[in-house]
Protein backbone atom coordinates (compact mmCIF):
# COMPACT_ATOMS: atom_id res chain seq x y z
CA MET A 1 6.40 -89.01 169.61
CA PRO A 2 8.16 -86.01 168.01
CA PRO A 3 7.16 -85.27 164.43
CA MET A 4 9.47 -86.35 161.66
CA GLU A 5 11.38 -83.46 160.12
CA VAL A 6 12.11 -83.41 156.43
CA PHE A 7 15.68 -83.73 155.25
CA ARG A 8 16.26 -80.58 153.23
CA GLU A 9 20.01 -80.08 153.24
CA ARG A 10 21.74 -79.53 149.94
CA VAL A 11 24.07 -82.51 149.96
CA PRO A 12 25.74 -84.46 147.16
CA VAL A 13 23.89 -87.75 146.91
CA PRO A 14 24.85 -90.65 144.62
CA CYS A 15 22.22 -91.49 142.02
CA LEU A 16 21.75 -93.70 139.02
CA ARG A 17 24.34 -93.45 136.27
CA SER A 18 23.86 -94.53 132.71
CA HIS A 19 26.05 -97.62 133.10
CA ASP A 20 23.99 -98.73 136.10
CA VAL A 21 20.82 -99.25 134.05
CA ASP A 22 20.13 -102.39 132.09
CA ASP A 23 18.65 -102.33 128.61
CA ARG A 24 15.18 -103.01 129.98
CA THR A 25 15.09 -99.69 131.81
CA ARG A 26 17.35 -97.68 129.50
CA HIS A 27 14.77 -97.33 126.72
CA ASP A 28 11.04 -96.83 126.70
CA GLU A 29 8.97 -99.99 126.56
CA PRO A 30 5.38 -100.44 125.44
CA GLY A 31 4.44 -101.62 128.92
CA ASP A 32 5.91 -98.61 130.74
CA VAL A 33 3.50 -96.52 132.77
CA PRO A 34 3.01 -93.05 131.23
CA SER A 35 4.12 -90.19 133.41
CA PRO A 36 1.24 -87.91 134.46
CA ALA A 37 1.67 -84.16 134.41
CA ARG A 38 2.91 -82.91 137.74
CA ALA A 39 3.96 -79.59 139.29
CA VAL A 40 7.02 -79.18 141.49
CA ARG A 41 7.42 -76.48 144.11
CA GLY A 42 10.70 -75.46 145.64
CA ARG A 43 12.80 -78.20 143.99
CA ASP A 44 16.53 -77.69 144.31
CA ALA A 45 19.03 -79.15 141.87
CA VAL A 46 21.57 -80.94 144.02
CA PRO A 47 24.98 -80.98 142.33
CA GLY A 48 25.77 -84.48 141.18
CA GLY A 49 22.59 -85.90 142.63
CA CYS A 50 18.81 -86.12 142.54
CA ALA A 51 16.23 -83.42 142.79
CA VAL A 52 15.44 -83.15 146.48
CA SER A 53 12.54 -81.28 147.98
CA GLY A 54 13.79 -77.82 148.94
CA GLU A 55 10.95 -76.59 151.09
CA GLN A 56 8.66 -77.98 153.74
CA PRO A 57 6.12 -80.13 151.87
CA PRO A 58 2.47 -80.31 152.85
CA ALA A 59 1.76 -82.30 156.01
CA GLY A 60 0.37 -85.10 153.87
CA ALA A 61 -2.03 -87.84 154.82
CA GLY A 62 -1.79 -89.38 158.23
CA LEU A 63 -1.94 -93.03 159.20
CA ASP A 64 -5.52 -93.66 160.28
CA ASP A 65 -6.36 -95.93 163.19
CA ALA A 66 -7.71 -98.71 160.98
CA ALA A 67 -4.57 -98.81 158.81
CA LEU A 68 -2.37 -98.78 161.90
CA ALA A 69 -4.38 -101.60 163.43
CA ARG A 70 -4.00 -103.69 160.26
CA LEU A 71 -0.27 -103.03 160.18
CA VAL A 72 0.22 -104.00 163.82
CA ALA A 73 -1.95 -107.09 163.41
CA GLY A 74 0.06 -108.18 160.38
CA LEU A 75 3.37 -107.61 162.13
CA SER A 76 2.17 -109.65 165.13
CA THR A 77 1.97 -112.74 162.92
CA VAL A 78 5.60 -112.53 161.81
CA SER A 79 7.72 -115.37 163.21
CA ILE A 80 11.42 -114.64 162.85
CA ALA A 81 12.37 -118.09 164.17
CA THR A 82 10.53 -120.04 161.47
CA ARG A 83 10.81 -117.79 158.40
CA PRO A 84 13.94 -116.73 156.49
CA THR A 85 14.88 -113.08 156.89
CA GLY A 86 14.26 -112.32 153.22
CA GLU A 87 10.74 -113.68 153.50
CA VAL A 88 10.13 -111.58 156.61
CA LEU A 89 11.27 -108.41 154.85
CA ARG A 90 9.15 -109.14 151.80
CA HIS A 91 6.08 -109.76 153.95
CA VAL A 92 6.63 -106.59 155.99
CA ALA A 93 7.13 -104.51 152.82
CA GLY A 94 3.74 -105.74 151.62
CA LEU A 95 2.15 -104.75 154.93
CA VAL A 96 3.62 -101.25 154.56
CA VAL A 97 2.12 -100.83 151.08
CA ALA A 98 -1.25 -102.00 152.42
CA ALA A 99 -1.07 -99.46 155.27
CA LEU A 100 -0.10 -96.55 152.99
CA PRO A 101 -2.39 -96.62 149.93
CA ALA A 102 -0.46 -93.85 148.15
CA ALA A 103 2.64 -96.07 148.09
CA ALA A 104 2.59 -98.18 144.95
CA ASP A 105 5.55 -100.22 146.14
CA ALA A 106 8.13 -100.40 148.89
CA SER A 107 11.51 -101.93 149.60
CA LEU A 108 13.28 -102.84 152.83
CA SER A 109 17.01 -103.31 153.20
CA VAL A 110 19.11 -104.33 156.18
CA ALA A 111 22.83 -103.79 156.64
CA HIS A 112 25.16 -105.38 159.18
CA ARG A 113 28.13 -103.23 160.14
CA GLY A 114 27.68 -101.15 157.01
CA THR A 115 27.38 -104.09 154.59
CA VAL A 116 23.99 -104.66 153.00
CA ARG A 117 22.86 -108.20 153.82
CA PHE A 118 19.21 -108.26 152.77
CA VAL A 119 17.09 -106.33 150.25
CA GLU A 120 13.49 -107.30 149.57
CA PHE A 121 10.53 -105.72 147.76
CA ALA A 122 6.77 -105.71 147.98
CA GLY A 123 6.45 -105.84 144.18
CA ARG A 124 8.19 -105.64 140.81
CA LEU A 125 8.35 -101.84 140.62
CA ALA A 126 10.67 -101.58 143.61
CA SER A 127 12.81 -104.45 142.36
CA VAL A 128 13.39 -102.55 139.09
CA LEU A 129 14.17 -99.22 140.74
CA ASP A 130 15.85 -100.19 143.99
CA GLU A 131 19.56 -100.05 144.62
CA ARG A 132 20.00 -103.83 144.76
CA GLN A 133 19.63 -103.86 140.98
CA HIS A 134 22.09 -100.95 140.70
CA PRO A 135 24.55 -101.27 143.61
CA ARG A 136 26.66 -98.26 142.61
CA GLY A 137 24.16 -95.81 144.02
CA PHE A 138 20.75 -95.69 142.38
CA LEU A 139 19.20 -93.94 145.36
CA PRO A 140 20.60 -91.50 147.91
CA SER A 141 21.37 -92.80 151.36
CA ALA A 142 18.71 -92.35 153.98
CA PRO A 143 19.28 -89.55 156.49
CA PRO A 144 19.50 -90.44 160.19
CA PRO A 145 16.11 -91.09 161.80
CA PRO A 146 13.67 -89.58 162.32
CA ARG A 147 14.29 -87.56 159.17
CA VAL A 148 12.97 -88.57 155.75
CA LEU A 149 14.45 -87.83 152.35
CA SER A 150 12.01 -86.86 149.59
CA VAL A 151 13.23 -87.40 146.01
CA ASP A 152 11.03 -85.83 143.33
CA THR A 153 11.12 -87.23 139.81
CA ALA A 154 9.60 -84.28 137.93
CA PRO A 155 11.64 -82.95 135.00
CA GLY A 156 13.05 -79.43 135.00
CA ASP A 157 15.47 -77.25 133.07
CA THR A 158 17.57 -76.73 136.19
CA ALA A 159 18.26 -80.44 136.65
CA PRO A 160 21.95 -81.34 136.45
CA GLU A 161 23.22 -83.61 133.76
CA GLY A 162 24.07 -87.19 134.70
CA GLY A 163 22.78 -89.12 137.67
CA GLY A 164 19.90 -86.90 138.76
CA ALA A 165 18.37 -86.57 135.31
CA GLU A 166 18.84 -90.27 134.62
CA PHE A 167 17.15 -91.25 137.88
CA ARG A 168 14.13 -89.06 137.18
CA SER A 169 13.84 -90.36 133.64
CA VAL A 170 13.79 -94.01 134.67
CA ALA A 171 11.49 -93.40 137.64
CA ARG A 172 9.03 -91.32 135.60
CA ARG A 173 8.91 -93.97 132.91
CA HIS A 174 7.67 -96.39 135.54
CA GLY A 175 5.07 -93.93 136.80
CA VAL A 176 6.91 -92.91 139.97
CA ARG A 177 6.31 -89.31 141.01
CA ARG A 178 8.21 -89.32 144.27
CA ALA A 179 10.35 -91.58 146.46
CA LEU A 180 10.47 -91.33 150.25
CA ILE A 181 13.54 -92.77 151.96
CA ALA A 182 13.64 -93.31 155.71
CA ALA A 183 16.14 -95.07 157.95
CA LEU A 184 15.01 -97.53 160.60
CA PRO A 185 16.22 -96.83 164.12
CA PRO A 186 19.44 -98.89 164.42
CA ALA A 187 19.61 -101.97 166.62
CA GLY A 188 23.17 -102.78 167.60
CA ASP A 189 25.21 -103.42 164.47
CA PHE A 190 22.10 -103.62 162.29
CA THR A 191 20.61 -100.73 160.32
CA GLY A 192 17.74 -100.65 157.85
CA THR A 193 16.14 -98.50 155.17
CA LEU A 194 12.56 -98.19 153.98
CA VAL A 195 11.91 -96.78 150.49
CA LEU A 196 8.39 -95.85 149.40
CA TYR A 197 7.57 -95.30 145.73
CA LEU A 198 4.63 -92.95 145.15
CA THR A 199 2.68 -92.86 141.88
CA GLY A 200 -0.32 -91.00 140.50
CA ALA A 201 -0.80 -87.33 139.68
CA ASP A 202 -2.45 -86.32 142.95
CA ALA A 203 -0.03 -85.61 145.80
CA ALA A 204 -2.80 -84.88 148.30
CA GLY A 205 -2.83 -88.47 149.51
CA ASP A 206 0.93 -88.78 149.97
CA PRO A 207 1.83 -90.04 153.45
CA GLY A 208 2.95 -87.30 155.79
CA GLU A 209 6.07 -87.29 157.89
CA ALA A 210 4.20 -88.48 160.97
CA ALA A 211 2.68 -91.39 159.05
CA VAL A 212 6.07 -92.52 157.74
CA ALA A 213 7.57 -92.16 161.21
CA GLU A 214 4.81 -94.31 162.70
CA VAL A 215 5.33 -97.02 160.08
CA VAL A 216 9.10 -96.98 160.55
CA ARG A 217 8.74 -97.25 164.31
CA HIS A 218 6.59 -100.37 164.04
CA VAL A 219 8.43 -102.24 161.28
CA ALA A 220 11.94 -101.67 162.65
CA VAL A 221 11.61 -104.25 165.44
CA PRO A 222 10.61 -107.35 163.43
CA VAL A 223 12.82 -106.43 160.48
CA LEU A 224 16.03 -105.88 162.42
CA ASP A 225 15.27 -108.67 164.90
CA ALA A 226 14.86 -111.11 162.01
CA ALA A 227 18.26 -110.14 160.59
CA ALA A 228 19.91 -110.32 164.02
CA TYR A 229 18.38 -113.74 164.70
CA GLU A 230 19.58 -115.15 161.38
CA GLU A 231 23.07 -113.76 162.01
CA ALA A 232 23.14 -115.35 165.48
CA VAL A 233 22.07 -118.71 164.06
CA ARG A 234 24.71 -118.48 161.33
CA ARG A 235 27.47 -117.71 163.81
CA ALA A 236 26.35 -120.53 166.11
CA GLU A 237 26.42 -122.99 163.21
CA GLN A 238 29.89 -121.82 162.19
CA LEU A 239 31.14 -122.21 165.75
CA THR A 240 29.66 -125.70 166.02
CA GLU A 241 31.23 -126.69 162.72
CA ALA A 242 34.59 -125.26 163.79
CA MET A 243 34.48 -127.24 167.03
CA ARG A 244 33.64 -130.44 165.17
CA SER A 245 36.44 -129.85 162.69
CA ARG A 246 38.94 -129.21 165.44
CA ALA A 247 37.90 -132.36 167.31
CA GLY A 248 38.33 -134.47 164.17
CA ILE A 249 41.73 -132.93 163.40
CA GLU A 250 42.94 -133.59 166.95
CA GLN A 251 41.81 -137.22 166.69
CA ALA A 252 43.69 -137.65 163.40
CA LYS A 253 46.81 -136.10 164.90
CA GLY A 254 46.66 -138.53 167.81
CA ILE A 255 46.39 -141.47 165.42
CA LEU A 256 49.40 -140.31 163.40
CA VAL A 257 51.42 -139.81 166.58
CA ALA A 258 50.57 -143.34 167.70
CA VAL A 259 51.20 -144.97 164.31
CA HIS A 260 54.30 -143.08 163.18
CA GLY A 261 55.83 -142.11 166.51
CA CYS A 262 55.99 -138.43 165.54
CA SER A 263 55.24 -135.31 167.55
CA PRO A 264 51.81 -133.60 167.43
CA ASP A 265 53.33 -130.76 165.38
CA GLU A 266 54.79 -133.22 162.89
CA ALA A 267 51.43 -134.98 162.69
CA PHE A 268 49.74 -131.69 161.81
CA VAL A 269 52.33 -131.09 159.08
CA ARG A 270 51.54 -134.53 157.66
CA LEU A 271 47.82 -133.76 157.63
CA SER A 272 48.43 -130.38 155.97
CA ARG A 273 50.58 -131.97 153.27
CA MET A 274 47.93 -134.62 152.59
CA SER A 275 45.32 -131.85 152.34
CA GLN A 276 47.37 -129.86 149.82
CA GLN A 277 48.25 -132.87 147.70
CA SER A 278 44.64 -134.05 147.48
CA ASN A 279 43.22 -130.51 147.17
CA ARG A 280 40.77 -131.26 149.95
CA LYS A 281 39.88 -129.56 153.20
CA LEU A 282 41.95 -130.43 156.24
CA ARG A 283 38.81 -131.53 158.07
CA GLU A 284 37.95 -134.03 155.32
CA VAL A 285 41.45 -135.49 155.32
CA ALA A 286 41.34 -135.85 159.10
CA GLU A 287 38.00 -137.67 158.86
CA ASP A 288 39.51 -140.11 156.35
CA VAL A 289 42.47 -140.79 158.65
CA VAL A 290 40.16 -141.51 161.58
CA ALA A 291 37.82 -143.66 159.47
CA GLY A 292 40.74 -145.62 158.02
CA TYR A 293 42.19 -146.27 161.46
CA VAL A 294 38.80 -147.45 162.77
CA ARG A 295 38.34 -149.84 159.80
CA GLY A 296 41.82 -151.20 160.34
CA ALA A 297 41.25 -151.71 164.02
CA MET A 298 37.98 -153.52 163.35
CA THR A 299 39.67 -155.75 160.75
CA ASP A 300 42.43 -156.68 163.20
CA ALA A 301 39.87 -157.40 165.89
CA GLY A 302 37.96 -159.69 163.52
């Protein structure tokens, strides 16, 4: 497998703005984690965005065989047919944190045709910092795989005013030193993003590019398959419901044609008018027409 390269382009990336932060994260709280002293090398100030690593970082810690075995074993127990997609994502995010000890928390999101459908977290830290809480762009978008985006939270005089500084302030207050953002390999219309939040003063144990790539490769299948399965079930249910509704409407039209001697089009107009006047769905009105006709027929037969 080719090694993961680090995304180092100077690009404008959307970050947290002051109006995207609730009062809980806008001001220091007694329970906030103090920010340890940290050194930053080669950090570029991206105009309008976050501080992004500007040079090749150290290789970082790899994913040892035991951690990989635990991750694969945990993923093998995931059943996408019996568990909701959100629960699957939350479980997988927890497995990722267990496999990468330097990651204090993680989030997984899945989008369908560009629209985010699911966002889940391993713990509270990610839920506070992740973009679901701040949908206007708390974090930069993940670069195409297999690249990874590294967002440093260290302060600096060269940091731009606005989003980048605000992001670093909130993240530091919660003890986050660095965020790693990686895209899952797409599957059809489904795409996903993994975000790792790293804490602690020592960067020596940070997961390396190869470790993140290995994790992404393994979690992509169950995560995106779970979302695709739920979407398929949803569409099948909608189709079944539509077929049932159409059958009931056609039955009601036939009854009106027989009772009133009107055409099928005129019968549909009658049903539509009844639906508008009663402020009810057309399907419900049609069911009432059929039920009323059946009761009448049974009364006459008795």
